[in-house]
PDB file of all heavy atoms in Angstrom:
ATOM      1  N   ILE A   1      99.082 154.751  -3.419  1.00  0.00           N
ATOM      2  CA  ILE A   1     100.170 155.495  -3.877  1.00  0.00           C
ATOM      3  C   ILE A   1      99.651 157.054  -4.052  1.00  0.00           C
ATOM      4  O   ILE A   1     100.303 157.860  -4.464  1.00  0.00           O
ATOM      5  CB  ILE A   1     100.540 155.115  -5.293  1.00  0.00           C
ATOM      6  CG1 ILE A   1      99.371 155.020  -6.248  1.00  0.00           C
ATOM      7  CG2 ILE A   1     101.191 153.746  -5.292  1.00  0.00           C
ATOM      8  CD1 ILE A   1      99.755 154.732  -7.709  1.00  0.00           C
ATOM      9  N   TYR A   2      98.314 157.323  -3.469  1.00  0.00           N
ATOM     10  CA  TYR A   2      97.977 158.537  -3.342  1.00  0.00           C
ATOM     11  C   TYR A   2      97.505 158.986  -1.906  1.00  0.00           C
ATOM     12  O   TYR A   2      97.217 157.941  -1.155  1.00  0.00           O
ATOM     13  CB  TYR A   2      96.815 158.917  -4.281  1.00  0.00           C
ATOM     14  CG  TYR A   2      97.234 158.842  -5.822  1.00  0.00           C
ATOM     15  CD1 TYR A   2      97.039 157.803  -6.582  1.00  0.00           C
ATOM     16  CD2 TYR A   2      97.953 159.853  -6.324  1.00  0.00           C
ATOM     17  CE1 TYR A   2      97.399 157.703  -7.929  1.00  0.00           C
ATOM     18  CE2 TYR A   2      98.485 159.879  -7.667  1.00  0.00           C
ATOM     19  CZ  TYR A   2      98.198 158.736  -8.425  1.00  0.00           C
ATOM     20  OH  TYR A   2      98.664 158.746  -9.737  1.00  0.00           O
ATOM     21  N   ASN A   3      97.379 160.290  -1.564  1.00  0.00           N
ATOM     22  CA  ASN A   3      97.082 160.567  -0.259  1.00  0.00           C
ATOM     23  C   ASN A   3      95.583 160.463   0.163  1.00  0.00           C
ATOM     24  O   ASN A   3      95.104 161.588   0.436  1.00  0.00           O
ATOM     25  CB  ASN A   3      97.868 161.935   0.116  1.00  0.00           C
ATOM     26  CG  ASN A   3      97.827 162.321   1.593  1.00  0.00           C
ATOM     27  OD1 ASN A   3      97.737 161.273   2.271  1.00  0.00           O
ATOM     28  ND2 ASN A   3      97.856 163.574   1.907  1.00  0.00           N
ATOM     29  N   SER A   4      94.925 159.415  -0.016  1.00  0.00           N
ATOM     30  CA  SER A   4      93.637 159.258   0.330  1.00  0.00           C
ATOM     31  C   SER A   4      93.342 158.267   1.243  1.00  0.00           C
ATOM     32  O   SER A   4      93.787 157.114   1.176  1.00  0.00           O
ATOM     33  CB  SER A   4      92.725 158.967  -1.026  1.00  0.00           C
ATOM     34  OG  SER A   4      92.861 160.038  -1.984  1.00  0.00           O
ATOM     35  N   ARG A   5      92.701 158.510   2.340  1.00  0.00           N
ATOM     36  CA  ARG A   5      92.266 157.512   3.384  1.00  0.00           C
ATOM     37  C   ARG A   5      90.835 157.610   3.676  1.00  0.00           C
ATOM     38  O   ARG A   5      90.297 158.744   3.743  1.00  0.00           O
ATOM     39  CB  ARG A   5      93.198 157.837   4.649  1.00  0.00           C
ATOM     40  CG  ARG A   5      94.693 157.545   4.411  1.00  0.00           C
ATOM     41  CD  ARG A   5      95.561 158.033   5.545  1.00  0.00           C
ATOM     42  NE  ARG A   5      96.985 157.927   5.255  1.00  0.00           N
ATOM     43  CZ  ARG A   5      97.651 156.851   5.402  1.00  0.00           C
ATOM     44  NH1 ARG A   5      97.190 155.689   6.033  1.00  0.00           N
ATOM     45  NH2 ARG A   5      98.990 156.812   5.076  1.00  0.00           N
ATOM     46  N   VAL A   6      90.221 156.488   4.007  1.00  0.00           N
ATOM     47  CA  VAL A   6      88.786 156.481   4.217  1.00  0.00           C
ATOM     48  C   VAL A   6      88.383 155.405   5.158  1.00  0.00           C
ATOM     49  O   VAL A   6      89.090 154.415   5.307  1.00  0.00           O
ATOM     50  CB  VAL A   6      88.079 156.314   2.870  1.00  0.00           C
ATOM     51  CG1 VAL A   6      88.238 154.920   2.312  1.00  0.00           C
ATOM     52  CG2 VAL A   6      86.647 156.521   2.897  1.00  0.00           C
ATOM     53  N   SER A   7      87.361 155.536   5.908  1.00  0.00           N
ATOM     54  CA  SER A   7      86.661 154.544   6.645  1.00  0.00           C
ATOM     55  C   SER A   7      85.351 154.172   5.914  1.00  0.00           C
ATOM     56  O   SER A   7      84.511 155.014   5.913  1.00  0.00           O
ATOM     57  CB  SER A   7      86.415 154.950   8.089  1.00  0.00           C
ATOM     58  OG  SER A   7      85.558 154.038   8.705  1.00  0.00           O
ATOM     59  N   LEU A   8      85.229 153.076   5.255  1.00  0.00           N
ATOM     60  CA  LEU A   8      84.111 152.697   4.587  1.00  0.00           C
ATOM     61  C   LEU A   8      82.750 152.846   5.461  1.00  0.00           C
ATOM     62  O   LEU A   8      81.790 153.309   4.934  1.00  0.00           O
ATOM     63  CB  LEU A   8      84.223 151.326   3.990  1.00  0.00           C
ATOM     64  CG  LEU A   8      85.243 151.163   2.879  1.00  0.00           C
ATOM     65  CD1 LEU A   8      85.385 149.736   2.488  1.00  0.00           C
ATOM     66  CD2 LEU A   8      84.986 152.011   1.607  1.00  0.00           C
ATOM     67  N   ARG A   9      82.830 152.256   6.614  1.00  0.00           N
ATOM     68  CA  ARG A   9      81.740 152.359   7.504  1.00  0.00           C
ATOM     69  C   ARG A   9      81.172 153.760   7.690  1.00  0.00           C
ATOM     70  O   ARG A   9      79.863 154.045   7.703  1.00  0.00           O
ATOM     71  CB  ARG A   9      81.890 151.570   8.739  1.00  0.00           C
ATOM     72  CG  ARG A   9      82.843 152.217   9.655  1.00  0.00           C
ATOM     73  CD  ARG A   9      82.975 151.467  10.988  1.00  0.00           C
ATOM     74  NE  ARG A   9      83.777 150.216  10.710  1.00  0.00           N
ATOM     75  CZ  ARG A   9      84.117 149.328  11.587  1.00  0.00           C
ATOM     76  NH1 ARG A   9      83.731 149.501  12.899  1.00  0.00           N
ATOM     77  NH2 ARG A   9      84.702 148.305  11.354  1.00  0.00           N
ATOM     78  N   GLU A  10      82.047 154.726   7.805  1.00  0.00           N
ATOM     79  CA  GLU A  10      81.553 156.156   8.106  1.00  0.00           C
ATOM     80  C   GLU A  10      81.070 156.722   6.702  1.00  0.00           C
ATOM     81  O   GLU A  10      80.214 157.751   6.841  1.00  0.00           O
ATOM     82  CB  GLU A  10      82.868 157.000   8.540  1.00  0.00           C
ATOM     83  CG  GLU A  10      83.324 156.685   9.884  1.00  0.00           C
ATOM     84  CD  GLU A  10      84.456 157.577  10.399  1.00  0.00           C
ATOM     85  OE1 GLU A  10      84.811 158.481   9.627  1.00  0.00           O
ATOM     86  OE2 GLU A  10      84.970 157.190  11.490  1.00  0.00           O
ATOM     87  N   ILE A  11      81.341 156.226   5.656  1.00  0.00           N
ATOM     88  CA  ILE A  11      80.760 156.694   4.322  1.00  0.00           C
ATOM     89  C   ILE A  11      79.421 156.069   4.188  1.00  0.00           C
ATOM     90  O   ILE A  11      78.634 156.533   3.367  1.00  0.00           O
ATOM     91  CB  ILE A  11      81.662 156.340   3.192  1.00  0.00           C
ATOM     92  CG1 ILE A  11      83.079 156.867   3.334  1.00  0.00           C
ATOM     93  CG2 ILE A  11      81.143 156.688   1.868  1.00  0.00           C
ATOM     94  CD1 ILE A  11      83.104 158.405   3.233  1.00  0.00           C
ATOM     95  N   GLY A  12      79.125 154.930   4.991  1.00  0.00           N
ATOM     96  CA  GLY A  12      77.824 154.307   4.753  1.00  0.00           C
ATOM     97  C   GLY A  12      77.913 153.109   3.788  1.00  0.00           C
ATOM     98  O   GLY A  12      76.905 152.475   3.394  1.00  0.00           O
ATOM     99  N   ILE A  13      79.152 152.501   3.804  1.00  0.00           N
ATOM    100  CA  ILE A  13      79.434 151.269   2.967  1.00  0.00           C
ATOM    101  C   ILE A  13      79.752 150.132   4.048  1.00  0.00           C
ATOM    102  O   ILE A  13      80.870 150.343   4.646  1.00  0.00           O
ATOM    103  CB  ILE A  13      80.386 151.504   1.938  1.00  0.00           C
ATOM    104  CG1 ILE A  13      80.024 152.567   0.962  1.00  0.00           C
ATOM    105  CG2 ILE A  13      80.750 150.170   1.288  1.00  0.00           C
ATOM    106  CD1 ILE A  13      81.205 152.950  -0.008  1.00  0.00           C
ATOM    107  N   ARG A  14      78.936 149.235   4.195  1.00  0.00           N
ATOM    108  CA  ARG A  14      79.104 148.113   5.182  1.00  0.00           C
ATOM    109  C   ARG A  14      79.516 146.848   4.525  1.00  0.00           C
ATOM    110  O   ARG A  14      78.812 146.373   3.802  1.00  0.00           O
ATOM    111  CB  ARG A  14      77.871 148.001   6.047  1.00  0.00           C
ATOM    112  CG  ARG A  14      77.576 149.264   6.886  1.00  0.00           C
ATOM    113  CD  ARG A  14      76.150 149.363   7.528  1.00  0.00           C
ATOM    114  NE  ARG A  14      75.905 150.570   8.306  1.00  0.00           N
ATOM    115  CZ  ARG A  14      75.521 151.620   7.534  1.00  0.00           C
ATOM    116  NH1 ARG A  14      75.208 151.653   6.237  1.00  0.00           N
ATOM    117  NH2 ARG A  14      75.226 152.698   8.304  1.00  0.00           N
ATOM    118  N   VAL A  15      80.772 146.420   4.740  1.00  0.00           N
ATOM    119  CA  VAL A  15      81.254 145.192   4.360  1.00  0.00           C
ATOM    120  C   VAL A  15      81.514 144.104   5.357  1.00  0.00           C
ATOM    121  O   VAL A  15      82.086 143.097   5.052  1.00  0.00           O
ATOM    122  CB  VAL A  15      82.661 145.455   3.483  1.00  0.00           C
ATOM    123  CG1 VAL A  15      82.174 146.293   2.208  1.00  0.00           C
ATOM    124  CG2 VAL A  15      83.609 146.000   4.339  1.00  0.00           C
ATOM    125  N   GLY A  16      81.150 144.386   6.583  1.00  0.00           N
ATOM    126  CA  GLY A  16      81.371 143.393   7.677  1.00  0.00           C
ATOM    127  C   GLY A  16      80.735 142.135   7.471  1.00  0.00           C
ATOM    128  O   GLY A  16      79.563 142.038   7.035  1.00  0.00           O
ATOM    129  N   GLY A  17      81.501 141.137   7.493  1.00  0.00           N
ATOM    130  CA  GLY A  17      81.045 139.615   7.182  1.00  0.00           C
ATOM    131  C   GLY A  17      80.916 139.345   5.772  1.00  0.00           C
ATOM    132  O   GLY A  17      80.636 138.203   5.404  1.00  0.00           O
ATOM    133  N   ARG A  18      81.317 140.229   4.941  1.00  0.00           N
ATOM    134  CA  ARG A  18      81.300 140.072   3.514  1.00  0.00           C
ATOM    135  C   ARG A  18      82.697 140.383   2.823  1.00  0.00           C
ATOM    136  O   ARG A  18      82.714 141.095   1.740  1.00  0.00           O
ATOM    137  CB  ARG A  18      80.183 140.904   2.771  1.00  0.00           C
ATOM    138  CG  ARG A  18      78.894 140.342   3.233  1.00  0.00           C
ATOM    139  CD  ARG A  18      77.708 141.043   2.432  1.00  0.00           C
ATOM    140  NE  ARG A  18      77.678 142.466   2.766  1.00  0.00           N
ATOM    141  CZ  ARG A  18      76.997 142.963   3.768  1.00  0.00           C
ATOM    142  NH1 ARG A  18      76.242 142.112   4.488  1.00  0.00           N
ATOM    143  NH2 ARG A  18      77.031 144.289   3.911  1.00  0.00           N
ATOM    144  N   SER A  19      83.830 140.220   3.582  1.00  0.00           N
ATOM    145  CA  SER A  19      85.080 140.484   3.072  1.00  0.00           C
ATOM    146  C   SER A  19      85.914 139.262   2.788  1.00  0.00           C
ATOM    147  O   SER A  19      85.785 138.393   3.644  1.00  0.00           O
ATOM    148  CB  SER A  19      85.927 141.412   4.081  1.00  0.00           C
ATOM    149  OG  SER A  19      85.336 142.685   4.104  1.00  0.00           O
ATOM    150  N   SER A  20      86.682 139.077   1.767  1.00  0.00           N
ATOM    151  CA  SER A  20      87.490 138.006   1.473  1.00  0.00           C
ATOM    152  C   SER A  20      88.838 138.545   1.229  1.00  0.00           C
ATOM    153  O   SER A  20      89.120 139.664   0.923  1.00  0.00           O
ATOM    154  CB  SER A  20      87.044 137.346   0.162  1.00  0.00           C
ATOM    155  OG  SER A  20      85.591 136.941   0.261  1.00  0.00           O
ATOM    156  N   ARG A  21      89.822 137.612   1.406  1.00  0.00           N
ATOM    157  CA  ARG A  21      91.219 138.015   1.429  1.00  0.00           C
ATOM    158  C   ARG A  21      92.041 136.967   0.533  1.00  0.00           C
ATOM    159  O   ARG A  21      91.954 135.776   0.886  1.00  0.00           O
ATOM    160  CB  ARG A  21      91.853 138.082   2.794  1.00  0.00           C
ATOM    161  CG  ARG A  21      93.269 138.535   2.776  1.00  0.00           C
ATOM    162  CD  ARG A  21      93.813 138.969   4.276  1.00  0.00           C
ATOM    163  NE  ARG A  21      95.086 139.242   4.376  1.00  0.00           N
ATOM    164  CZ  ARG A  21      96.019 138.333   4.786  1.00  0.00           C
ATOM    165  NH1 ARG A  21      95.775 137.138   5.053  1.00  0.00           N
ATOM    166  NH2 ARG A  21      97.354 138.767   4.995  1.00  0.00           N
ATOM    167  N   LEU A  22      92.571 137.401  -0.524  1.00  0.00           N
ATOM    168  CA  LEU A  22      93.406 136.535  -1.403  1.00  0.00           C
ATOM    169  C   LEU A  22      94.845 136.582  -0.980  1.00  0.00           C
ATOM    170  O   LEU A  22      95.442 137.759  -0.604  1.00  0.00           O
ATOM    171  CB  LEU A  22      93.293 136.953  -2.823  1.00  0.00           C
ATOM    172  CG  LEU A  22      91.922 137.060  -3.498  1.00  0.00           C
ATOM    173  CD1 LEU A  22      91.836 137.644  -4.911  1.00  0.00           C
ATOM    174  CD2 LEU A  22      91.247 135.640  -3.413  1.00  0.00           C
ATOM    175  N   THR A  23      95.427 135.421  -0.826  1.00  0.00           N
ATOM    176  CA  THR A  23      96.807 135.358  -0.262  1.00  0.00           C
ATOM    177  C   THR A  23      97.974 134.781  -1.139  1.00  0.00           C
ATOM    178  O   THR A  23      98.995 134.964  -0.925  1.00  0.00           O
ATOM    179  CB  THR A  23      96.889 134.678   1.069  1.00  0.00           C
ATOM    180  OG1 THR A  23      96.429 133.231   0.735  1.00  0.00           O
ATOM    181  CG2 THR A  23      96.012 135.193   2.129  1.00  0.00           C
ATOM    182  N   VAL A  24      97.421 134.213  -2.290  1.00  0.00           N
ATOM    183  CA  VAL A  24      98.373 133.639  -3.160  1.00  0.00           C
ATOM    184  C   VAL A  24      98.740 134.474  -4.323  1.00  0.00           C
ATOM    185  O   VAL A  24      97.853 134.920  -5.054  1.00  0.00           O
ATOM    186  CB  VAL A  24      97.998 132.219  -3.712  1.00  0.00           C
ATOM    187  CG1 VAL A  24      98.916 131.591  -4.637  1.00  0.00           C
ATOM    188  CG2 VAL A  24      97.653 131.217  -2.662  1.00  0.00           C
ATOM    189  N   ASN A  25     100.041 134.808  -4.444  1.00  0.00           N
ATOM    190  CA  ASN A  25     100.520 135.630  -5.617  1.00  0.00           C
ATOM    191  C   ASN A  25     100.695 134.762  -6.705  1.00  0.00           C
ATOM    192  O   ASN A  25     101.542 133.817  -6.750  1.00  0.00           O
ATOM    193  CB  ASN A  25     101.772 136.406  -5.115  1.00  0.00           C
ATOM    194  CG  ASN A  25     102.349 137.322  -6.066  1.00  0.00           C
ATOM    195  OD1 ASN A  25     102.586 136.967  -7.351  1.00  0.00           O
ATOM    196  ND2 ASN A  25     102.470 138.585  -5.829  1.00  0.00           N
ATOM    197  N   TYR A  26     100.035 135.101  -7.903  1.00  0.00           N
ATOM    198  CA  TYR A  26     100.209 134.319  -9.142  1.00  0.00           C
ATOM    199  C   TYR A  26     101.139 134.927 -10.166  1.00  0.00           C
ATOM    200  O   TYR A  26     101.261 134.485 -11.240  1.00  0.00           O
ATOM    201  CB  TYR A  26      98.788 133.993  -9.780  1.00  0.00           C
ATOM    202  CG  TYR A  26      97.899 133.336  -8.795  1.00  0.00           C
ATOM    203  CD1 TYR A  26      97.068 133.975  -8.080  1.00  0.00           C
ATOM    204  CD2 TYR A  26      98.028 131.999  -8.793  1.00  0.00           C
ATOM    205  CE1 TYR A  26      96.222 133.180  -7.166  1.00  0.00           C
ATOM    206  CE2 TYR A  26      97.155 131.180  -8.036  1.00  0.00           C
ATOM    207  CZ  TYR A  26      96.261 131.867  -7.229  1.00  0.00           C
ATOM    208  OH  TYR A  26      95.467 131.068  -6.263  1.00  0.00           O
ATOM    209  N   ARG A  27     101.803 136.107  -9.753  1.00  0.00           N
ATOM    210  CA  ARG A  27     102.502 136.862 -10.723  1.00  0.00           C
ATOM    211  C   ARG A  27     103.986 136.827 -10.325  1.00  0.00           C
ATOM    212  O   ARG A  27     104.926 136.604 -11.205  1.00  0.00           O
ATOM    213  CB  ARG A  27     102.093 138.317 -10.814  1.00  0.00           C
ATOM    214  CG  ARG A  27     102.930 139.069 -11.694  1.00  0.00           C
ATOM    215  CD  ARG A  27     102.316 140.597 -11.863  1.00  0.00           C
ATOM    216  NE  ARG A  27     102.349 141.321 -10.635  1.00  0.00           N
ATOM    217  CZ  ARG A  27     101.313 142.021 -10.141  1.00  0.00           C
ATOM    218  NH1 ARG A  27     100.284 142.223 -10.860  1.00  0.00           N
ATOM    219  NH2 ARG A  27     101.555 142.741  -9.100  1.00  0.00           N
ATOM    220  N   THR A  28     104.380 137.094  -9.134  1.00  0.00           N
ATOM    221  CA  THR A  28     105.716 137.415  -8.683  1.00  0.00           C
ATOM    222  C   THR A  28     106.420 136.187  -8.023  1.00  0.00           C
ATOM    223  O   THR A  28     105.694 135.492  -7.297  1.00  0.00           O
ATOM    224  CB  THR A  28     105.726 138.558  -7.742  1.00  0.00           C
ATOM    225  OG1 THR A  28     105.108 139.660  -8.372  1.00  0.00           O
ATOM    226  CG2 THR A  28     107.137 138.954  -7.460  1.00  0.00           C
ATOM    227  N   THR A  29     107.740 135.981  -8.277  1.00  0.00           N
ATOM    228  CA  THR A  29     108.336 134.874  -7.638  1.00  0.00           C
ATOM    229  C   THR A  29     108.362 135.112  -6.115  1.00  0.00           C
ATOM    230  O   THR A  29     108.299 136.318  -5.610  1.00  0.00           O
ATOM    231  CB  THR A  29     109.832 134.774  -8.081  1.00  0.00           C
ATOM    232  OG1 THR A  29     110.609 135.909  -7.667  1.00  0.00           O
ATOM    233  CG2 THR A  29     109.863 134.497  -9.608  1.00  0.00           C
TER     234      THR A  29
END
């Protein structure tokens, strides 16, 4: 909701192979 964009790898933060994705919404119908 704000105008900030970043590439983590260019900042020096490497998350390759250590990313998880949650897909089930427990709040909204």
